[in-house]
């Protein structure tokens, strides 16, 4: 490590600690609201039977029993979310919530550390930096399951680099906990020729669907899809409608265009599964019917992968700018972007990858290798 890097790492470490402290200071107004709902649904399954999992009246009663002063909300997550949170009901509620937050934050942080190519103190600083964007600790604070989805993407990326395709598909099984945030990832990987990864993920999905049907029964399955027909209000800020005002046929056409672009681009640069994961994740976020701020944990994972796969200055400058505006020191000020502006950041990163994949050679001629990092879209960039 050079003298400059030896000096830079501790300085960055101090700044990251300060930023995370600011994140912790700005606690969510409804701490644990999502875990509260998950555990309540799990209690309904344990006490009333899993066929009643989507009986929203019973879920509401269970929420009031757990924390009478906490606001209630419908349980709209897939059954596995209730399955994995049900065991926490053996603990007093606030102890259970603490254990859940340690689990979700710990798994996400370990996935970051496992997937990076950095070593020693640089690894620690990099992981700390990835935890700084306000939505990471916000997601943990409300007890969201999405940090586990983001962790699954990162673990799969590392396993694909190690040519452990089947295990990568198993890791992507975590996407099933909140499919709207990263559902296209396994399919886009299939476009790159990662058949074993896709089949492994499909096998996990088939098992989950089968268990869900068996445990819910026909009435429970109908109740689940009935609940999905009443999506929560106020969750469209990060969608095409909330950001760009697109609705109806226009929104549908844009969604199709984004998905087609993701698949076609992934096929073109099929030797780079990391960027394919990013394309699938961004396509999922950009086309989702509803999202919350905490779902941007998936955006963090996508940015993490791009940071490693595209080390050229222009890419890292773009990612650093996005990171800076996501820090609590900027986001909570008057110059901080509103929540619905982050879909624009997702779109910018998505378009940048697509343009680079299809016009990288021309861009290299115009701007030089420092601009593109590599004009060969068929080769994996060094990290």
Protein backbone atom coordinates (compact mmCIF):
# COMPACT_ATOMS: atom_id res chain seq x y z
CA UNK A 1 0.00 0.00 0.00
CA UNK A 2 1.42 3.40 -0.96
CA UNK A 3 1.90 6.19 1.58
CA UNK A 4 -1.05 8.08 0.07
CA UNK A 5 -3.36 5.10 0.45
CA UNK A 6 -2.11 4.50 4.00
CA UNK A 7 -3.16 8.06 4.83
CA UNK A 8 -6.41 7.97 2.85
CA UNK A 9 -7.84 4.79 4.36
CA UNK A 10 -8.04 6.03 8.00
CA UNK A 11 -9.42 9.41 6.88
CA UNK A 12 -12.13 7.70 4.88
CA UNK A 13 -12.77 5.39 7.82
CA UNK A 14 -13.41 8.33 10.16
CA UNK A 15 -15.72 10.02 7.65
CA UNK A 16 -17.67 6.78 7.17
CA UNK A 17 -18.07 6.32 10.93
CA UNK A 18 -19.45 9.87 11.17
CA UNK A 19 -21.84 9.24 8.27
CA UNK A 20 -23.11 6.00 9.79
CA UNK A 21 -23.55 7.77 13.14
CA UNK A 22 -25.73 10.35 11.38
CA UNK A 23 -27.74 7.50 9.84
CA UNK A 24 -28.25 5.94 13.27
CA UNK A 25 -29.29 9.29 14.70
CA UNK A 26 -32.00 9.66 12.07
CA UNK A 27 -34.01 6.62 13.10
CA UNK A 28 -37.10 5.67 11.09
CA UNK A 29 -40.26 7.26 12.50
CA UNK A 30 -41.85 3.81 12.72
CA UNK A 31 -39.06 1.60 13.97
CA UNK A 32 -39.61 -2.07 13.19
CA UNK A 33 -42.89 -1.54 11.33
CA UNK A 34 -42.13 -4.14 8.63
CA UNK A 35 -40.69 -6.77 10.98
CA UNK A 36 -43.74 -6.16 13.16
CA UNK A 37 -45.92 -7.20 10.22
CA UNK A 38 -43.73 -10.16 9.25
CA UNK A 39 -43.74 -11.62 12.76
CA UNK A 40 -47.47 -11.03 13.17
CA UNK A 41 -48.11 -13.02 9.99
CA UNK A 42 -45.83 -15.77 11.27
CA UNK A 43 -47.80 -15.84 14.53
CA UNK A 44 -51.04 -16.21 12.59
CA UNK A 45 -49.53 -19.16 10.75
CA UNK A 46 -48.35 -20.82 13.96
CA UNK A 47 -51.48 -20.16 16.01
CA UNK A 48 -54.30 -20.20 13.45
CA UNK A 49 -52.79 -22.32 10.68
CA UNK A 50 -50.90 -21.31 7.57
CA UNK A 51 -54.08 -21.31 5.49
CA UNK A 52 -54.97 -18.08 7.35
CA UNK A 53 -51.64 -16.37 6.60
CA UNK A 54 -53.30 -13.72 4.41
CA UNK A 55 -56.34 -13.20 6.59
CA UNK A 56 -55.56 -9.53 7.10
CA UNK A 57 -57.97 -9.24 10.00
CA UNK A 58 -56.07 -11.89 11.96
CA UNK A 59 -52.74 -10.32 10.96
CA UNK A 60 -53.94 -6.96 12.29
CA UNK A 61 -54.98 -8.51 15.60
CA UNK A 62 -51.60 -10.23 15.91
CA UNK A 63 -49.82 -6.92 15.27
CA UNK A 64 -51.85 -5.23 18.01
CA UNK A 65 -50.99 -8.04 20.40
CA UNK A 66 -47.27 -7.73 19.66
CA UNK A 67 -47.03 -3.93 19.94
CA UNK A 68 -50.36 -2.23 20.69
CA UNK A 69 -49.01 1.27 19.93
CA UNK A 70 -47.51 0.32 16.54
CA UNK A 71 -49.41 1.12 13.36
CA UNK A 72 -50.78 -1.95 11.58
CA UNK A 73 -50.44 -2.73 7.88
CA UNK A 74 -51.42 -5.63 5.59
CA UNK A 75 -49.02 -8.53 5.12
CA UNK A 76 -48.27 -8.64 1.38
CA UNK A 77 -44.94 -10.47 1.36
CA UNK A 78 -44.50 -14.00 -0.03
CA UNK A 79 -44.97 -16.87 2.47
CA UNK A 80 -41.20 -17.48 3.00
CA UNK A 81 -40.95 -14.12 4.77
CA UNK A 82 -43.42 -15.32 7.40
CA UNK A 83 -41.68 -18.69 7.61
CA UNK A 84 -38.26 -17.24 8.39
CA UNK A 85 -39.55 -14.67 10.90
CA UNK A 86 -41.94 -17.01 12.74
CA UNK A 87 -39.17 -18.54 14.93
CA UNK A 88 -38.43 -15.06 16.32
CA UNK A 89 -41.82 -15.19 18.04
CA UNK A 90 -40.20 -17.36 20.71
CA UNK A 91 -38.43 -14.21 21.96
CA UNK A 92 -39.90 -11.07 23.54
CA UNK A 93 -40.79 -8.72 20.69
CA UNK A 94 -38.07 -6.09 21.05
CA UNK A 95 -35.42 -8.74 21.60
CA UNK A 96 -36.70 -10.52 18.48
CA UNK A 97 -36.54 -7.28 16.51
CA UNK A 98 -32.97 -6.66 17.69
CA UNK A 99 -31.94 -10.15 16.62
CA UNK A 100 -33.59 -9.64 13.22
CA UNK A 101 -31.79 -6.35 12.61
CA UNK A 102 -28.46 -7.95 13.51
CA UNK A 103 -29.23 -10.78 11.10
CA UNK A 104 -30.20 -8.60 8.13
CA UNK A 105 -27.44 -6.03 8.59
CA UNK A 106 -24.86 -8.72 9.35
CA UNK A 107 -25.73 -10.83 6.29
CA UNK A 108 -25.63 -7.78 4.02
CA UNK A 109 -22.30 -6.56 5.42
CA UNK A 110 -20.77 -10.04 5.18
CA UNK A 111 -22.01 -10.38 1.59
CA UNK A 112 -20.29 -7.10 0.74
CA UNK A 113 -17.06 -8.27 2.38
CA UNK A 114 -17.26 -11.69 0.71
CA UNK A 115 -17.87 -10.31 -2.77
CA UNK A 116 -15.21 -7.58 -2.88
CA UNK A 117 -11.72 -7.99 -4.23
CA UNK A 118 -10.30 -5.54 -1.70
CA UNK A 119 -8.25 -6.80 1.20
CA UNK A 120 -7.30 -5.79 4.73
CA UNK A 121 -8.34 -2.29 5.79
CA UNK A 122 -9.49 -1.32 2.31
CA UNK A 123 -12.14 -4.04 2.52
CA UNK A 124 -13.39 -2.72 5.87
CA UNK A 125 -13.55 0.87 4.60
CA UNK A 126 -15.31 -0.18 1.40
CA UNK A 127 -17.95 -2.18 3.29
CA UNK A 128 -18.47 0.73 5.66
CA UNK A 129 -18.93 3.09 2.73
CA UNK A 130 -21.55 0.79 1.21
CA UNK A 131 -23.55 0.95 4.45
CA UNK A 132 -23.63 4.77 4.47
CA UNK A 133 -26.50 5.50 2.00
CA UNK A 134 -29.47 6.45 4.12
CA UNK A 135 -31.73 3.68 2.88
CA UNK A 136 -29.50 0.85 4.14
CA UNK A 137 -29.86 1.54 7.85
CA UNK A 138 -33.41 2.75 7.20
CA UNK A 139 -34.22 -0.70 5.78
CA UNK A 140 -32.64 -2.32 8.81
CA UNK A 141 -34.46 0.09 11.13
CA UNK A 142 -37.91 -0.78 9.81
CA UNK A 143 -37.00 -4.48 9.78
CA UNK A 144 -37.19 -4.90 6.01
CA UNK A 145 -36.24 -8.17 4.33
CA UNK A 146 -34.67 -6.45 1.30
CA UNK A 147 -31.08 -6.40 2.68
CA UNK A 148 -31.19 -10.19 2.36
CA UNK A 149 -32.23 -9.88 -1.29
CA UNK A 150 -29.29 -7.54 -1.95
CA UNK A 151 -26.98 -9.95 -0.11
CA UNK A 152 -28.16 -12.81 -2.32
CA UNK A 153 -27.19 -10.83 -5.42
CA UNK A 154 -23.71 -10.10 -4.07
CA UNK A 155 -23.06 -13.67 -2.99
CA UNK A 156 -24.22 -14.96 -6.38
CA UNK A 157 -21.87 -12.52 -8.12
CA UNK A 158 -18.88 -13.82 -6.14
CA UNK A 159 -19.87 -17.44 -6.75
CA UNK A 160 -20.23 -16.82 -10.48
CA UNK A 161 -16.73 -15.34 -10.54
CA UNK A 162 -15.54 -18.53 -8.85
CA UNK A 163 -17.42 -20.60 -11.48
CA UNK A 164 -19.74 -22.08 -8.86
CA UNK A 165 -22.83 -21.57 -10.96
CA UNK A 166 -25.20 -23.91 -9.11
CA UNK A 167 -24.47 -22.34 -5.72
CA UNK A 168 -24.98 -18.92 -7.31
CA UNK A 169 -28.49 -19.99 -8.30
CA UNK A 170 -29.15 -21.16 -4.75
CA UNK A 171 -27.98 -17.78 -3.39
CA UNK A 172 -30.37 -16.03 -5.76
CA UNK A 173 -33.16 -17.89 -4.00
CA UNK A 174 -33.13 -14.94 -1.58
CA UNK A 175 -34.71 -12.88 -4.37
CA UNK A 176 -37.92 -14.81 -3.67
CA UNK A 177 -38.24 -12.98 -0.35
CA UNK A 178 -39.14 -9.78 -2.23
CA UNK A 179 -39.39 -10.57 -5.96
CA UNK A 180 -40.38 -7.10 -7.18
CA UNK A 181 -36.93 -5.75 -6.29
CA UNK A 182 -34.75 -8.13 -8.32
CA UNK A 183 -36.95 -10.65 -10.12
CA UNK A 184 -35.30 -10.26 -13.52
CA UNK A 185 -31.81 -11.12 -12.24
CA UNK A 186 -32.02 -14.92 -12.74
CA UNK A 187 -33.65 -14.51 -16.15
CA UNK A 188 -31.07 -12.02 -17.38
CA UNK A 189 -28.33 -14.40 -16.22
CA UNK A 190 -29.98 -17.06 -18.37
CA UNK A 191 -29.50 -14.71 -21.33
CA UNK A 192 -25.75 -14.82 -20.61
CA UNK A 193 -25.78 -18.62 -20.86
CA UNK A 194 -25.70 -19.34 -17.09
CA UNK A 195 -28.14 -22.23 -17.51
CA UNK A 196 -27.04 -24.08 -14.36
CA UNK A 197 -27.51 -20.94 -12.28
CA UNK A 198 -30.99 -20.42 -13.66
CA UNK A 199 -32.00 -24.06 -13.21
CA UNK A 200 -30.75 -24.04 -9.61
CA UNK A 201 -32.72 -20.87 -8.91
CA UNK A 202 -35.77 -22.31 -10.68
CA UNK A 203 -35.50 -25.43 -8.52
CA UNK A 204 -35.49 -23.32 -5.36
CA UNK A 205 -38.45 -21.39 -6.72
CA UNK A 206 -40.36 -24.57 -7.54
CA UNK A 207 -39.85 -25.88 -4.00
CA UNK A 208 -41.00 -22.56 -2.51
CA UNK A 209 -44.10 -22.44 -4.72
CA UNK A 210 -44.96 -26.07 -3.91
CA UNK A 211 -44.58 -25.52 -0.16
CA UNK A 212 -46.60 -22.33 -0.40
CA UNK A 213 -49.47 -24.06 -2.19
CA UNK A 214 -49.44 -26.99 0.24
CA UNK A 215 -49.34 -24.82 3.37
CA UNK A 216 -51.75 -22.11 2.18
CA UNK A 217 -54.27 -24.30 0.42
CA UNK A 218 -56.51 -22.97 -2.32
CA UNK A 219 -58.20 -20.48 0.00
CA UNK A 220 -54.88 -19.12 1.22
CA UNK A 221 -53.51 -18.80 -2.32
CA UNK A 222 -56.65 -16.91 -3.38
CA UNK A 223 -56.32 -14.64 -0.34
CA UNK A 224 -52.68 -13.93 -1.25
CA UNK A 225 -53.47 -12.84 -4.79
CA UNK A 226 -56.47 -10.94 -3.52
CA UNK A 227 -54.22 -9.00 -1.14
CA UNK A 228 -51.85 -8.17 -4.00
CA UNK A 229 -54.72 -6.54 -5.88
CA UNK A 230 -54.76 -3.86 -3.18
CA UNK A 231 -51.22 -2.52 -3.25
CA UNK A 232 -50.24 -0.06 -0.52
CA UNK A 233 -50.84 3.60 -1.24
CA UNK A 234 -47.90 5.99 -1.28
CA UNK A 235 -45.46 3.36 -2.57
CA UNK A 236 -45.11 4.61 -6.13
CA UNK A 237 -42.52 7.37 -5.65
CA UNK A 238 -39.76 5.19 -7.10
CA UNK A 239 -41.83 3.87 -10.00
CA UNK A 240 -42.26 5.12 -13.55
CA UNK A 241 -45.51 6.71 -12.45
CA UNK A 242 -44.15 8.41 -9.35
CA UNK A 243 -41.00 9.72 -11.02
CA UNK A 244 -42.01 10.38 -14.61
CA UNK A 245 -45.79 10.41 -14.39
CA UNK A 246 -46.08 7.52 -16.86
CA UNK A 247 -49.29 5.47 -16.81
CA UNK A 248 -51.23 3.05 -18.97
CA UNK A 249 -49.93 2.00 -22.36
CA UNK A 250 -47.00 4.41 -22.27
CA UNK A 251 -45.74 3.01 -18.95
CA UNK A 252 -46.22 -0.54 -20.22
CA UNK A 253 -44.25 0.23 -23.40
CA UNK A 254 -41.39 1.77 -21.42
CA UNK A 255 -41.29 -1.26 -19.12
CA UNK A 256 -41.08 -3.59 -22.11
CA UNK A 257 -38.30 -1.46 -23.62
CA UNK A 258 -36.28 -1.57 -20.39
CA UNK A 259 -36.65 -5.33 -20.01
CA UNK A 260 -35.77 -6.01 -23.66
CA UNK A 261 -32.73 -3.72 -23.39
CA UNK A 262 -31.60 -5.57 -20.25
CA UNK A 263 -31.85 -8.99 -21.91
CA UNK A 264 -30.27 -7.93 -25.20
CA UNK A 265 -27.40 -6.13 -23.48
CA UNK A 266 -26.76 -9.03 -21.12
CA UNK A 267 -26.57 -11.38 -24.11
CA UNK A 268 -24.07 -9.08 -25.84
CA UNK A 269 -21.72 -8.97 -22.83
CA UNK A 270 -22.45 -12.50 -21.68
CA UNK A 271 -18.91 -13.05 -20.39
CA UNK A 272 -19.63 -10.49 -17.64
CA UNK A 273 -22.26 -12.03 -15.32
CA UNK A 274 -21.71 -9.27 -12.76
CA UNK A 275 -23.01 -6.57 -15.07
CA UNK A 276 -25.83 -8.90 -16.10
CA UNK A 277 -26.88 -9.06 -12.44
CA UNK A 278 -26.82 -5.26 -12.36
CA UNK A 279 -28.95 -5.01 -15.49
CA UNK A 280 -31.47 -7.47 -14.08
CA UNK A 281 -31.64 -5.63 -10.77
CA UNK A 282 -32.02 -2.20 -12.35
CA UNK A 283 -34.65 -3.48 -14.79
CA UNK A 284 -36.56 -4.93 -11.84
CA UNK A 285 -36.42 -1.67 -9.88
CA UNK A 286 -37.35 0.49 -12.87
CA UNK A 287 -40.36 -1.63 -13.87
CA UNK A 288 -41.70 -2.53 -10.41
CA UNK A 289 -45.33 -1.55 -9.73
CA UNK A 290 -44.44 -0.35 -6.24
CA UNK A 291 -41.29 0.21 -4.20
CA UNK A 292 -40.23 1.72 -0.90
CA UNK A 293 -37.09 3.69 -0.07
CA UNK A 294 -35.64 0.67 1.72
CA UNK A 295 -35.73 -1.28 -1.56
CA UNK A 296 -32.83 0.85 -2.76
CA UNK A 297 -30.57 -1.58 -0.91
CA UNK A 298 -30.69 -3.47 -4.21
CA UNK A 299 -29.40 -0.30 -5.90
CA UNK A 300 -26.46 -0.29 -3.46
CA UNK A 301 -25.62 -3.87 -4.44
CA UNK A 302 -25.83 -2.93 -8.13
CA UNK A 303 -23.53 0.05 -7.63
CA UNK A 304 -21.09 -2.10 -5.63
CA UNK A 305 -20.79 -4.54 -8.52
CA UNK A 306 -20.32 -1.77 -11.11
CA UNK A 307 -17.65 -0.14 -8.92
CA UNK A 308 -15.63 -3.35 -9.07
CA UNK A 309 -16.38 -4.32 -12.66
CA UNK A 310 -15.82 -0.89 -14.22
CA UNK A 311 -12.86 0.75 -12.45
CA UNK A 312 -12.39 3.57 -14.98
CA UNK A 313 -12.51 7.09 -13.45
CA UNK A 314 -15.69 8.16 -15.25
CA UNK A 315 -17.66 5.22 -13.87
CA UNK A 316 -16.37 5.67 -10.35
CA UNK A 317 -16.98 9.42 -10.46
CA UNK A 318 -20.61 8.78 -11.38
CA UNK A 319 -21.04 6.22 -8.60
CA UNK A 320 -19.26 8.44 -6.07
CA UNK A 321 -21.61 11.32 -6.91
CA UNK A 322 -24.65 9.10 -6.39
CA UNK A 323 -23.17 7.86 -3.11
CA UNK A 324 -22.50 11.41 -1.92
CA UNK A 325 -26.09 12.49 -2.52
CA UNK A 326 -27.32 9.39 -0.67
CA UNK A 327 -25.35 10.17 2.49
CA UNK A 328 -27.37 11.58 5.40
CA UNK A 329 -25.21 14.72 5.39
CA UNK A 330 -26.61 15.62 1.94
CA UNK A 331 -29.91 13.76 1.72
CA UNK A 332 -31.35 15.39 4.83
CA UNK A 333 -30.57 18.90 3.62
CA UNK A 334 -32.35 21.23 1.23
CA UNK A 335 -30.06 20.19 -1.63
CA UNK A 336 -30.74 16.51 -1.08
CA UNK A 337 -32.75 14.83 -3.85
CA UNK A 338 -36.35 13.83 -3.18
CA UNK A 339 -37.10 10.13 -2.99
CA UNK A 340 -38.65 9.94 -6.44
CA UNK A 341 -35.45 11.29 -8.02
CA UNK A 342 -33.57 8.09 -7.26
CA UNK A 343 -35.36 6.30 -10.08
CA UNK A 344 -33.56 8.77 -12.36
CA UNK A 345 -30.23 7.65 -10.86
CA UNK A 346 -31.20 4.03 -11.53
CA UNK A 347 -32.07 4.90 -15.12
CA UNK A 348 -28.80 6.81 -15.61
CA UNK A 349 -26.76 3.82 -14.47
CA UNK A 350 -28.86 1.45 -16.59
CA UNK A 351 -28.49 3.57 -19.73
CA UNK A 352 -24.75 4.02 -19.10
CA UNK A 353 -24.23 0.24 -19.05
CA UNK A 354 -26.38 -0.29 -22.15
CA UNK A 355 -24.60 2.46 -24.11
CA UNK A 356 -21.17 1.22 -23.03
CA UNK A 357 -22.04 -2.34 -24.06
CA UNK A 358 -23.22 -1.38 -27.53
CA UNK A 359 -20.97 1.59 -28.29
CA UNK A 360 -17.93 0.97 -26.10
CA UNK A 361 -15.48 0.74 -28.99
CA UNK A 362 -16.65 4.03 -30.48
CA UNK A 363 -16.54 5.76 -27.11
CA UNK A 364 -12.99 4.55 -26.64
CA UNK A 365 -12.01 6.16 -29.92
CA UNK A 366 -13.68 9.42 -28.93
CA UNK A 367 -12.69 9.62 -25.28
CA UNK A 368 -9.81 7.20 -24.86
CA UNK A 369 -9.51 4.21 -22.58
CA UNK A 370 -9.73 6.41 -19.50
CA UNK A 371 -13.30 7.21 -20.52
CA UNK A 372 -14.64 3.71 -20.99
CA UNK A 373 -12.27 1.55 -19.00
CA UNK A 374 -12.44 -1.02 -21.76
CA UNK A 375 -13.96 -1.00 -25.18
CA UNK A 376 -14.15 -4.80 -25.29
CA UNK A 377 -17.61 -5.62 -24.01
CA UNK A 378 -16.90 -9.32 -24.12
CA UNK A 379 -14.25 -9.34 -21.45
CA UNK A 380 -14.48 -9.19 -17.70
CA UNK A 381 -12.92 -6.01 -16.36
CA UNK A 382 -10.34 -6.31 -13.60
CA UNK A 383 -11.46 -5.20 -10.16
